[in-house]
């Protein structure tokens, strides 16, 4: 799996809006994070609309290149 970099974050906003495509991009962010958390900001049961905030820290250390 390729590393998700800070520069890649903006690409999430421009990703195709299909749930599958967005799930893939968000999964990459989470899997390449050292810490991640989520907050549900709002839910509208009448319309089904929701707002979720994902916050975390990307792993900037690539252990494959670290010398012992």
C-alpha atoms as a PDB file:
ATOM      1  CA  UNK A   1       0.000   0.000   0.000  1.00  0.00           C
ATOM      2  CA  UNK A   2       1.349   3.440  -0.898  1.00  0.00           C
ATOM      3  CA  UNK A   3       1.934   5.953   1.871  1.00  0.00           C
ATOM      4  CA  UNK A   4      -0.686   8.652   2.215  1.00  0.00           C
ATOM      5  CA  UNK A   5       1.096  11.994   2.383  1.00  0.00           C
ATOM      6  CA  UNK A   6       0.129  15.433   3.638  1.00  0.00           C
ATOM      7  CA  UNK A   7      -0.059  16.593   0.013  1.00  0.00           C
ATOM      8  CA  UNK A   8      -2.701  13.936  -0.676  1.00  0.00           C
ATOM      9  CA  UNK A   9      -5.197  15.336   1.835  1.00  0.00           C
ATOM     10  CA  UNK A  10      -6.585  17.951  -0.561  1.00  0.00           C
ATOM     11  CA  UNK A  11      -7.342  15.173  -3.058  1.00  0.00           C
ATOM     12  CA  UNK A  12     -10.097  13.929  -0.739  1.00  0.00           C
ATOM     13  CA  UNK A  13     -12.125  17.071  -1.414  1.00  0.00           C
ATOM     14  CA  UNK A  14     -11.880  16.465  -5.153  1.00  0.00           C
ATOM     15  CA  UNK A  15     -12.484  12.717  -5.088  1.00  0.00           C
ATOM     16  CA  UNK A  16     -15.518  11.393  -6.935  1.00  0.00           C
ATOM     17  CA  UNK A  17     -18.520  11.555  -4.642  1.00  0.00           C
ATOM     18  CA  UNK A  18     -19.392   7.881  -4.797  1.00  0.00           C
ATOM     19  CA  UNK A  19     -19.416   6.303  -1.323  1.00  0.00           C
ATOM     20  CA  UNK A  20     -16.989   3.583  -2.474  1.00  0.00           C
ATOM     21  CA  UNK A  21     -14.431   6.095  -3.748  1.00  0.00           C
ATOM     22  CA  UNK A  22     -14.670   8.252  -0.643  1.00  0.00           C
ATOM     23  CA  UNK A  23     -14.420   5.191   1.611  1.00  0.00           C
ATOM     24  CA  UNK A  24     -11.203   4.198  -0.136  1.00  0.00           C
ATOM     25  CA  UNK A  25      -9.613   7.637   0.307  1.00  0.00           C
ATOM     26  CA  UNK A  26     -10.697   7.964   3.954  1.00  0.00           C
ATOM     27  CA  UNK A  27      -9.440   4.437   4.670  1.00  0.00           C
ATOM     28  CA  UNK A  28      -6.018   5.391   3.285  1.00  0.00           C
ATOM     29  CA  UNK A  29      -5.871   8.395   5.613  1.00  0.00           C
ATOM     30  CA  UNK A  30      -6.852   6.374   8.682  1.00  0.00           C
ATOM     31  CA  UNK A  31      -4.504   3.473   7.930  1.00  0.00           C
ATOM     32  CA  UNK A  32      -1.575   5.866   7.490  1.00  0.00           C
ATOM     33  CA  UNK A  33      -2.286   7.758  10.717  1.00  0.00           C
ATOM     34  CA  UNK A  34      -0.625   7.335  14.077  1.00  0.00           C
ATOM     35  CA  UNK A  35      -3.717   8.733  15.809  1.00  0.00           C
ATOM     36  CA  UNK A  36      -7.256   9.172  14.532  1.00  0.00           C
ATOM     37  CA  UNK A  37     -10.579  10.105  16.020  1.00  0.00           C
ATOM     38  CA  UNK A  38     -14.012  10.976  14.785  1.00  0.00           C
ATOM     39  CA  UNK A  39     -16.737  13.314  15.989  1.00  0.00           C
ATOM     40  CA  UNK A  40     -20.332  13.358  14.792  1.00  0.00           C
ATOM     41  CA  UNK A  41     -21.174  17.062  14.625  1.00  0.00           C
ATOM     42  CA  UNK A  42     -24.770  16.795  13.509  1.00  0.00           C
ATOM     43  CA  UNK A  43     -27.473  14.387  12.437  1.00  0.00           C
ATOM     44  CA  UNK A  44     -30.799  15.299  10.855  1.00  0.00           C
ATOM     45  CA  UNK A  45     -33.160  12.315  11.193  1.00  0.00           C
ATOM     46  CA  UNK A  46     -35.730  13.975   8.898  1.00  0.00           C
ATOM     47  CA  UNK A  47     -33.415  14.330   5.897  1.00  0.00           C
ATOM     48  CA  UNK A  48     -30.707  11.754   6.678  1.00  0.00           C
ATOM     49  CA  UNK A  49     -28.053  14.447   6.419  1.00  0.00           C
ATOM     50  CA  UNK A  50     -25.059  14.154   8.718  1.00  0.00           C
ATOM     51  CA  UNK A  51     -21.724  15.863   9.392  1.00  0.00           C
ATOM     52  CA  UNK A  52     -18.718  13.866  10.604  1.00  0.00           C
ATOM     53  CA  UNK A  53     -15.297  15.330  11.428  1.00  0.00           C
ATOM     54  CA  UNK A  54     -12.211  13.131  11.162  1.00  0.00           C
ATOM     55  CA  UNK A  55      -9.118  14.346  12.998  1.00  0.00           C
ATOM     56  CA  UNK A  56      -5.729  12.707  13.303  1.00  0.00           C
ATOM     57  CA  UNK A  57      -1.995  12.713  12.755  1.00  0.00           C
ATOM     58  CA  UNK A  58      -0.442  11.229   9.645  1.00  0.00           C
ATOM     59  CA  UNK A  59       2.524   8.927  10.157  1.00  0.00           C
ATOM     60  CA  UNK A  60       5.399  10.882   8.644  1.00  0.00           C
ATOM     61  CA  UNK A  61       8.023   8.285   9.593  1.00  0.00           C
ATOM     62  CA  UNK A  62       8.571   5.544   7.031  1.00  0.00           C
ATOM     63  CA  UNK A  63      10.028   2.629   8.982  1.00  0.00           C
ATOM     64  CA  UNK A  64      11.157   0.906   5.769  1.00  0.00           C
ATOM     65  CA  UNK A  65      13.979   3.448   5.469  1.00  0.00           C
ATOM     66  CA  UNK A  66      14.956   3.669   9.138  1.00  0.00           C
ATOM     67  CA  UNK A  67      18.364   2.220   9.938  1.00  0.00           C
ATOM     68  CA  UNK A  68      18.883   0.311  13.198  1.00  0.00           C
END
